[in-house]
């Protein structure tokens, strides 16, 4: 019994150390990200579900400044000015206007992509991978809310730069989404009106205000 108790204590100690290491690394990433005036990212986005025979791949880009962002993906532009979200679809010639929808803390929006892990998750160190000479340390995040649709998230962090390399989200329904950063630039010169919606640019578009 003494040996078993000792083994359990050692196991608990290593688990606590792993959690502390994961927390320290995430804090480093968060501190570094928040120090930037703005961030510009080009990325690859892959969505797959083997049982449903789904495999979609696309590329996109996003500029983030605080809570504001300008996201281009799948031919649609999503502009969030900090209060209102504008979804612009050239194909449908429609602009949908809505208040920010972040009631679900497990929803990872562009503005939260680099800091979503700060609340609502337990975390632990995972594997280390060598990607084209870069040491990528993964941290596994598991939602505290057992009713969350997300099963787990793997966050790949460049051990040298402390920038996020990729994000792998696994849903309880078997859907797996992977966002891989191809280009990560900081403190770029951007227009003062980048996050301002100008309705005059869309004279023939249907304006759909949903709330």
C-alpha atoms as a PDB file:
ATOM      1  CA  UNK A   1       0.000   0.000   0.000  1.00  0.00           C
ATOM      2  CA  UNK A   2       2.881   2.338   0.799  1.00  0.00           C
ATOM      3  CA  UNK A   3       4.351   1.730  -2.649  1.00  0.00           C
ATOM      4  CA  UNK A   4       0.969   2.376  -4.286  1.00  0.00           C
ATOM      5  CA  UNK A   5       0.481   5.587  -2.301  1.00  0.00           C
ATOM      6  CA  UNK A   6       3.999   6.709  -3.238  1.00  0.00           C
ATOM      7  CA  UNK A   7       3.357   5.955  -6.920  1.00  0.00           C
ATOM      8  CA  UNK A   8       0.095   7.905  -6.834  1.00  0.00           C
ATOM      9  CA  UNK A   9       1.840  10.871  -5.216  1.00  0.00           C
ATOM     10  CA  UNK A  10       4.583  10.811  -7.875  1.00  0.00           C
ATOM     11  CA  UNK A  11       1.962  10.584 -10.626  1.00  0.00           C
ATOM     12  CA  UNK A  12       0.011  13.496  -9.208  1.00  0.00           C
ATOM     13  CA  UNK A  13       3.216  15.503  -8.874  1.00  0.00           C
ATOM     14  CA  UNK A  14       4.152  14.956 -12.535  1.00  0.00           C
ATOM     15  CA  UNK A  15       0.594  15.828 -13.626  1.00  0.00           C
ATOM     16  CA  UNK A  16       0.735  19.086 -11.656  1.00  0.00           C
ATOM     17  CA  UNK A  17       4.145  19.907 -13.157  1.00  0.00           C
ATOM     18  CA  UNK A  18       2.822  19.225 -16.667  1.00  0.00           C
ATOM     19  CA  UNK A  19      -0.153  21.519 -16.044  1.00  0.00           C
ATOM     20  CA  UNK A  20       2.123  24.239 -14.685  1.00  0.00           C
ATOM     21  CA  UNK A  21       4.441  23.912 -17.703  1.00  0.00           C
ATOM     22  CA  UNK A  22       1.474  24.147 -20.073  1.00  0.00           C
ATOM     23  CA  UNK A  23       0.118  27.185 -18.238  1.00  0.00           C
ATOM     24  CA  UNK A  24       3.520  28.905 -18.288  1.00  0.00           C
ATOM     25  CA  UNK A  25       3.865  28.326 -22.041  1.00  0.00           C
ATOM     26  CA  UNK A  26       0.333  29.596 -22.772  1.00  0.00           C
ATOM     27  CA  UNK A  27       1.011  32.661 -20.639  1.00  0.00           C
ATOM     28  CA  UNK A  28       4.134  33.377 -22.694  1.00  0.00           C
ATOM     29  CA  UNK A  29       2.137  33.141 -25.917  1.00  0.00           C
ATOM     30  CA  UNK A  30      -0.638  35.363 -24.546  1.00  0.00           C
ATOM     31  CA  UNK A  31       1.759  38.014 -23.255  1.00  0.00           C
ATOM     32  CA  UNK A  32       3.599  38.160 -26.570  1.00  0.00           C
ATOM     33  CA  UNK A  33       0.420  38.368 -28.656  1.00  0.00           C
ATOM     34  CA  UNK A  34      -1.080  41.162 -26.540  1.00  0.00           C
ATOM     35  CA  UNK A  35       2.071  43.243 -26.950  1.00  0.00           C
ATOM     36  CA  UNK A  36       1.524  43.580 -30.706  1.00  0.00           C
ATOM     37  CA  UNK A  37      -0.379  46.554 -32.130  1.00  0.00           C
ATOM     38  CA  UNK A  38      -1.904  44.321 -34.789  1.00  0.00           C
ATOM     39  CA  UNK A  39      -1.435  40.887 -36.340  1.00  0.00           C
ATOM     40  CA  UNK A  40      -1.830  39.800 -39.971  1.00  0.00           C
ATOM     41  CA  UNK A  41      -2.195  36.074 -40.653  1.00  0.00           C
ATOM     42  CA  UNK A  42      -2.466  33.990 -43.800  1.00  0.00           C
ATOM     43  CA  UNK A  43      -3.692  30.477 -43.086  1.00  0.00           C
ATOM     44  CA  UNK A  44      -4.876  27.149 -44.437  1.00  0.00           C
ATOM     45  CA  UNK A  45      -8.156  25.778 -43.076  1.00  0.00           C
ATOM     46  CA  UNK A  46      -9.092  22.102 -43.352  1.00  0.00           C
ATOM     47  CA  UNK A  47     -12.379  20.557 -42.218  1.00  0.00           C
ATOM     48  CA  UNK A  48     -12.816  16.786 -42.241  1.00  0.00           C
ATOM     49  CA  UNK A  49     -15.202  14.141 -40.968  1.00  0.00           C
ATOM     50  CA  UNK A  50     -14.379  10.584 -42.052  1.00  0.00           C
ATOM     51  CA  UNK A  51     -17.770   9.099 -41.150  1.00  0.00           C
ATOM     52  CA  UNK A  52     -19.590  11.795 -43.129  1.00  0.00           C
ATOM     53  CA  UNK A  53     -17.063  11.625 -46.008  1.00  0.00           C
ATOM     54  CA  UNK A  54     -16.314  15.350 -45.682  1.00  0.00           C
ATOM     55  CA  UNK A  55     -12.970  16.857 -46.571  1.00  0.00           C
ATOM     56  CA  UNK A  56     -12.788  20.574 -47.335  1.00  0.00           C
ATOM     57  CA  UNK A  57      -9.672  22.704 -47.667  1.00  0.00           C
ATOM     58  CA  UNK A  58      -9.415  26.434 -48.188  1.00  0.00           C
ATOM     59  CA  UNK A  59      -7.135  29.370 -47.543  1.00  0.00           C
ATOM     60  CA  UNK A  60      -7.842  32.682 -45.943  1.00  0.00           C
ATOM     61  CA  UNK A  61      -6.387  35.696 -44.226  1.00  0.00           C
ATOM     62  CA  UNK A  62      -7.222  37.835 -41.245  1.00  0.00           C
ATOM     63  CA  UNK A  63      -6.065  41.109 -39.708  1.00  0.00           C
ATOM     64  CA  UNK A  64      -6.613  41.385 -35.962  1.00  0.00           C
ATOM     65  CA  UNK A  65      -6.347  44.449 -33.735  1.00  0.00           C
ATOM     66  CA  UNK A  66      -7.610  43.917 -30.219  1.00  0.00           C
ATOM     67  CA  UNK A  67     -11.197  42.698 -30.551  1.00  0.00           C
ATOM     68  CA  UNK A  68     -11.515  44.018 -34.113  1.00  0.00           C
ATOM     69  CA  UNK A  69     -10.846  41.845 -37.127  1.00  0.00           C
ATOM     70  CA  UNK A  70     -11.177  41.611 -40.905  1.00  0.00           C
ATOM     71  CA  UNK A  71     -11.455  38.006 -42.083  1.00  0.00           C
ATOM     72  CA  UNK A  72     -11.550  36.744 -45.677  1.00  0.00           C
ATOM     73  CA  UNK A  73     -12.444  33.092 -46.228  1.00  0.00           C
ATOM     74  CA  UNK A  74     -14.516  31.087 -48.730  1.00  0.00           C
ATOM     75  CA  UNK A  75     -15.208  34.224 -50.780  1.00  0.00           C
ATOM     76  CA  UNK A  76     -16.875  35.929 -47.811  1.00  0.00           C
ATOM     77  CA  UNK A  77     -15.584  38.890 -45.785  1.00  0.00           C
ATOM     78  CA  UNK A  78     -16.347  39.149 -42.084  1.00  0.00           C
ATOM     79  CA  UNK A  79     -15.703  42.563 -40.535  1.00  0.00           C
ATOM     80  CA  UNK A  80     -16.029  43.081 -36.807  1.00  0.00           C
ATOM     81  CA  UNK A  81     -15.561  46.635 -35.528  1.00  0.00           C
ATOM     82  CA  UNK A  82     -15.675  45.694 -31.870  1.00  0.00           C
ATOM     83  CA  UNK A  83     -19.451  45.967 -31.542  1.00  0.00           C
ATOM     84  CA  UNK A  84     -21.053  44.940 -34.812  1.00  0.00           C
ATOM     85  CA  UNK A  85     -20.317  42.070 -37.190  1.00  0.00           C
ATOM     86  CA  UNK A  86     -20.712  42.622 -40.942  1.00  0.00           C
ATOM     87  CA  UNK A  87     -20.738  39.545 -43.177  1.00  0.00           C
ATOM     88  CA  UNK A  88     -20.241  40.545 -46.808  1.00  0.00           C
ATOM     89  CA  UNK A  89     -21.066  38.023 -49.535  1.00  0.00           C
ATOM     90  CA  UNK A  90     -20.280  39.200 -53.102  1.00  0.00           C
ATOM     91  CA  UNK A  91     -21.824  36.031 -54.552  1.00  0.00           C
ATOM     92  CA  UNK A  92     -25.180  36.770 -52.934  1.00  0.00           C
ATOM     93  CA  UNK A  93     -24.723  40.556 -53.102  1.00  0.00           C
ATOM     94  CA  UNK A  94     -25.759  40.695 -49.480  1.00  0.00           C
ATOM     95  CA  UNK A  95     -24.451  42.230 -46.265  1.00  0.00           C
ATOM     96  CA  UNK A  96     -25.655  40.683 -43.015  1.00  0.00           C
ATOM     97  CA  UNK A  97     -25.364  42.923 -39.970  1.00  0.00           C
ATOM     98  CA  UNK A  98     -25.544  41.512 -36.457  1.00  0.00           C
ATOM     99  CA  UNK A  99     -24.298  42.112 -32.949  1.00  0.00           C
ATOM    100  CA  UNK A 100     -21.266  40.115 -31.879  1.00  0.00           C
ATOM    101  CA  UNK A 101     -22.264  36.514 -31.198  1.00  0.00           C
ATOM    102  CA  UNK A 102     -19.882  35.205 -28.545  1.00  0.00           C
ATOM    103  CA  UNK A 103     -22.311  33.777 -26.010  1.00  0.00           C
ATOM    104  CA  UNK A 104     -20.753  30.348 -26.480  1.00  0.00           C
ATOM    105  CA  UNK A 105     -17.371  30.542 -24.784  1.00  0.00           C
ATOM    106  CA  UNK A 106     -16.188  27.535 -26.797  1.00  0.00           C
ATOM    107  CA  UNK A 107     -16.679  29.320 -30.126  1.00  0.00           C
ATOM    108  CA  UNK A 108     -13.259  30.319 -31.445  1.00  0.00           C
ATOM    109  CA  UNK A 109     -13.604  33.600 -33.351  1.00  0.00           C
ATOM    110  CA  UNK A 110     -10.659  35.359 -35.087  1.00  0.00           C
ATOM    111  CA  UNK A 111     -10.316  37.897 -32.306  1.00  0.00           C
ATOM    112  CA  UNK A 112     -10.151  35.078 -29.762  1.00  0.00           C
ATOM    113  CA  UNK A 113      -8.031  32.725 -31.858  1.00  0.00           C
ATOM    114  CA  UNK A 114      -4.811  33.772 -30.160  1.00  0.00           C
ATOM    115  CA  UNK A 115      -6.183  33.912 -26.620  1.00  0.00           C
ATOM    116  CA  UNK A 116      -9.290  31.675 -26.459  1.00  0.00           C
ATOM    117  CA  UNK A 117      -7.505  29.226 -24.180  1.00  0.00           C
ATOM    118  CA  UNK A 118      -7.354  31.674 -21.275  1.00  0.00           C
ATOM    119  CA  UNK A 119     -10.818  30.712 -20.019  1.00  0.00           C
ATOM    120  CA  UNK A 120     -12.990  27.626 -20.103  1.00  0.00           C
ATOM    121  CA  UNK A 121     -10.325  24.949 -20.602  1.00  0.00           C
ATOM    122  CA  UNK A 122      -8.142  22.533 -18.689  1.00  0.00           C
ATOM    123  CA  UNK A 123      -4.798  21.956 -20.344  1.00  0.00           C
ATOM    124  CA  UNK A 124      -1.730  19.767 -20.386  1.00  0.00           C
ATOM    125  CA  UNK A 125       1.470  19.398 -22.369  1.00  0.00           C
ATOM    126  CA  UNK A 126       1.211  17.068 -25.376  1.00  0.00           C
ATOM    127  CA  UNK A 127       3.695  15.895 -28.022  1.00  0.00           C
ATOM    128  CA  UNK A 128       6.560  17.797 -29.642  1.00  0.00           C
ATOM    129  CA  UNK A 129       6.894  17.695 -33.437  1.00  0.00           C
ATOM    130  CA  UNK A 130       9.660  18.820 -35.757  1.00  0.00           C
ATOM    131  CA  UNK A 131       8.095  20.710 -38.670  1.00  0.00           C
ATOM    132  CA  UNK A 132      10.624  21.743 -41.304  1.00  0.00           C
ATOM    133  CA  UNK A 133      13.229  22.403 -38.648  1.00  0.00           C
ATOM    134  CA  UNK A 134      10.819  24.128 -36.298  1.00  0.00           C
ATOM    135  CA  UNK A 135      10.149  22.668 -32.860  1.00  0.00           C
ATOM    136  CA  UNK A 136       6.391  22.677 -32.336  1.00  0.00           C
ATOM    137  CA  UNK A 137       5.168  22.039 -28.803  1.00  0.00           C
ATOM    138  CA  UNK A 138       1.530  20.973 -28.572  1.00  0.00           C
ATOM    139  CA  UNK A 139      -0.738  21.779 -25.646  1.00  0.00           C
ATOM    140  CA  UNK A 140      -3.968  19.808 -25.255  1.00  0.00           C
ATOM    141  CA  UNK A 141      -7.001  21.790 -24.106  1.00  0.00           C
ATOM    142  CA  UNK A 142     -10.181  20.141 -22.884  1.00  0.00           C
ATOM    143  CA  UNK A 143     -13.356  22.209 -22.304  1.00  0.00           C
ATOM    144  CA  UNK A 144     -14.387  22.453 -18.668  1.00  0.00           C
ATOM    145  CA  UNK A 145     -18.024  22.433 -19.803  1.00  0.00           C
ATOM    146  CA  UNK A 146     -18.822  18.740 -20.316  1.00  0.00           C
ATOM    147  CA  UNK A 147     -21.729  19.708 -22.601  1.00  0.00           C
ATOM    148  CA  UNK A 148     -19.470  21.556 -25.037  1.00  0.00           C
ATOM    149  CA  UNK A 149     -19.533  20.366 -28.650  1.00  0.00           C
ATOM    150  CA  UNK A 150     -15.733  20.479 -28.694  1.00  0.00           C
ATOM    151  CA  UNK A 151     -14.002  17.328 -27.445  1.00  0.00           C
ATOM    152  CA  UNK A 152     -10.517  18.807 -27.352  1.00  0.00           C
ATOM    153  CA  UNK A 153      -8.216  21.343 -28.962  1.00  0.00           C
ATOM    154  CA  UNK A 154      -4.546  20.858 -29.764  1.00  0.00           C
ATOM    155  CA  UNK A 155      -2.607  24.102 -29.914  1.00  0.00           C
ATOM    156  CA  UNK A 156       0.760  23.911 -31.694  1.00  0.00           C
ATOM    157  CA  UNK A 157       3.232  26.545 -30.492  1.00  0.00           C
ATOM    158  CA  UNK A 158       6.575  27.397 -32.060  1.00  0.00           C
ATOM    159  CA  UNK A 159       8.978  26.849 -29.159  1.00  0.00           C
ATOM    160  CA  UNK A 160      11.345  29.554 -30.425  1.00  0.00           C
ATOM    161  CA  UNK A 161       9.029  32.419 -31.399  1.00  0.00           C
ATOM    162  CA  UNK A 162       6.162  31.534 -29.007  1.00  0.00           C
ATOM    163  CA  UNK A 163       3.765  32.109 -31.907  1.00  0.00           C
ATOM    164  CA  UNK A 164       0.864  29.783 -32.656  1.00  0.00           C
ATOM    165  CA  UNK A 165       1.694  27.459 -35.562  1.00  0.00           C
ATOM    166  CA  UNK A 166      -1.589  25.605 -35.800  1.00  0.00           C
ATOM    167  CA  UNK A 167      -4.834  24.819 -34.051  1.00  0.00           C
ATOM    168  CA  UNK A 168      -6.562  21.448 -34.277  1.00  0.00           C
ATOM    169  CA  UNK A 169     -10.140  21.313 -33.007  1.00  0.00           C
ATOM    170  CA  UNK A 170     -11.804  17.916 -32.545  1.00  0.00           C
ATOM    171  CA  UNK A 171     -15.583  17.849 -32.161  1.00  0.00           C
ATOM    172  CA  UNK A 172     -17.585  15.198 -30.346  1.00  0.00           C
ATOM    173  CA  UNK A 173     -19.362  14.482 -33.644  1.00  0.00           C
ATOM    174  CA  UNK A 174     -16.058  13.435 -35.242  1.00  0.00           C
ATOM    175  CA  UNK A 175     -15.469  16.670 -37.133  1.00  0.00           C
ATOM    176  CA  UNK A 176     -11.848  17.776 -37.143  1.00  0.00           C
ATOM    177  CA  UNK A 177     -10.852  21.304 -38.154  1.00  0.00           C
ATOM    178  CA  UNK A 178      -7.240  22.339 -38.583  1.00  0.00           C
ATOM    179  CA  UNK A 179      -6.039  25.898 -38.982  1.00  0.00           C
ATOM    180  CA  UNK A 180      -2.376  26.184 -39.976  1.00  0.00           C
ATOM    181  CA  UNK A 181      -0.609  29.549 -40.012  1.00  0.00           C
ATOM    182  CA  UNK A 182       1.362  30.078 -43.233  1.00  0.00           C
ATOM    183  CA  UNK A 183       2.328  33.695 -42.584  1.00  0.00           C
ATOM    184  CA  UNK A 184       2.378  35.595 -39.291  1.00  0.00           C
ATOM    185  CA  UNK A 185       3.193  39.315 -39.441  1.00  0.00           C
ATOM    186  CA  UNK A 186       2.947  41.878 -36.676  1.00  0.00           C
ATOM    187  CA  UNK A 187       2.636  45.648 -36.349  1.00  0.00           C
ATOM    188  CA  UNK A 188       1.911  46.203 -40.033  1.00  0.00           C
ATOM    189  CA  UNK A 189       0.823  49.644 -41.347  1.00  0.00           C
ATOM    190  CA  UNK A 190      -2.958  49.435 -41.710  1.00  0.00           C
ATOM    191  CA  UNK A 191      -5.618  51.953 -42.694  1.00  0.00           C
ATOM    192  CA  UNK A 192      -7.454  53.752 -39.891  1.00  0.00           C
ATOM    193  CA  UNK A 193     -10.717  52.763 -41.574  1.00  0.00           C
ATOM    194  CA  UNK A 194      -9.827  49.079 -42.074  1.00  0.00           C
ATOM    195  CA  UNK A 195     -12.370  47.966 -39.479  1.00  0.00           C
ATOM    196  CA  UNK A 196     -15.044  50.497 -40.480  1.00  0.00           C
ATOM    197  CA  UNK A 197     -17.951  49.326 -42.625  1.00  0.00           C
ATOM    198  CA  UNK A 198     -18.682  51.668 -45.551  1.00  0.00           C
ATOM    199  CA  UNK A 199     -22.144  50.941 -46.908  1.00  0.00           C
ATOM    200  CA  UNK A 200     -21.564  53.203 -49.932  1.00  0.00           C
ATOM    201  CA  UNK A 201     -19.222  50.528 -51.329  1.00  0.00           C
ATOM    202  CA  UNK A 202     -22.175  48.153 -51.660  1.00  0.00           C
ATOM    203  CA  UNK A 203     -24.928  50.230 -53.350  1.00  0.00           C
ATOM    204  CA  UNK A 204     -26.690  47.254 -54.947  1.00  0.00           C
ATOM    205  CA  UNK A 205     -26.332  44.844 -52.025  1.00  0.00           C
ATOM    206  CA  UNK A 206     -29.246  43.692 -49.904  1.00  0.00           C
ATOM    207  CA  UNK A 207     -28.649  44.884 -46.325  1.00  0.00           C
ATOM    208  CA  UNK A 208     -29.922  42.267 -43.901  1.00  0.00           C
ATOM    209  CA  UNK A 209     -30.068  43.421 -40.269  1.00  0.00           C
ATOM    210  CA  UNK A 210     -30.863  40.398 -38.127  1.00  0.00           C
ATOM    211  CA  UNK A 211     -30.941  42.057 -34.683  1.00  0.00           C
END
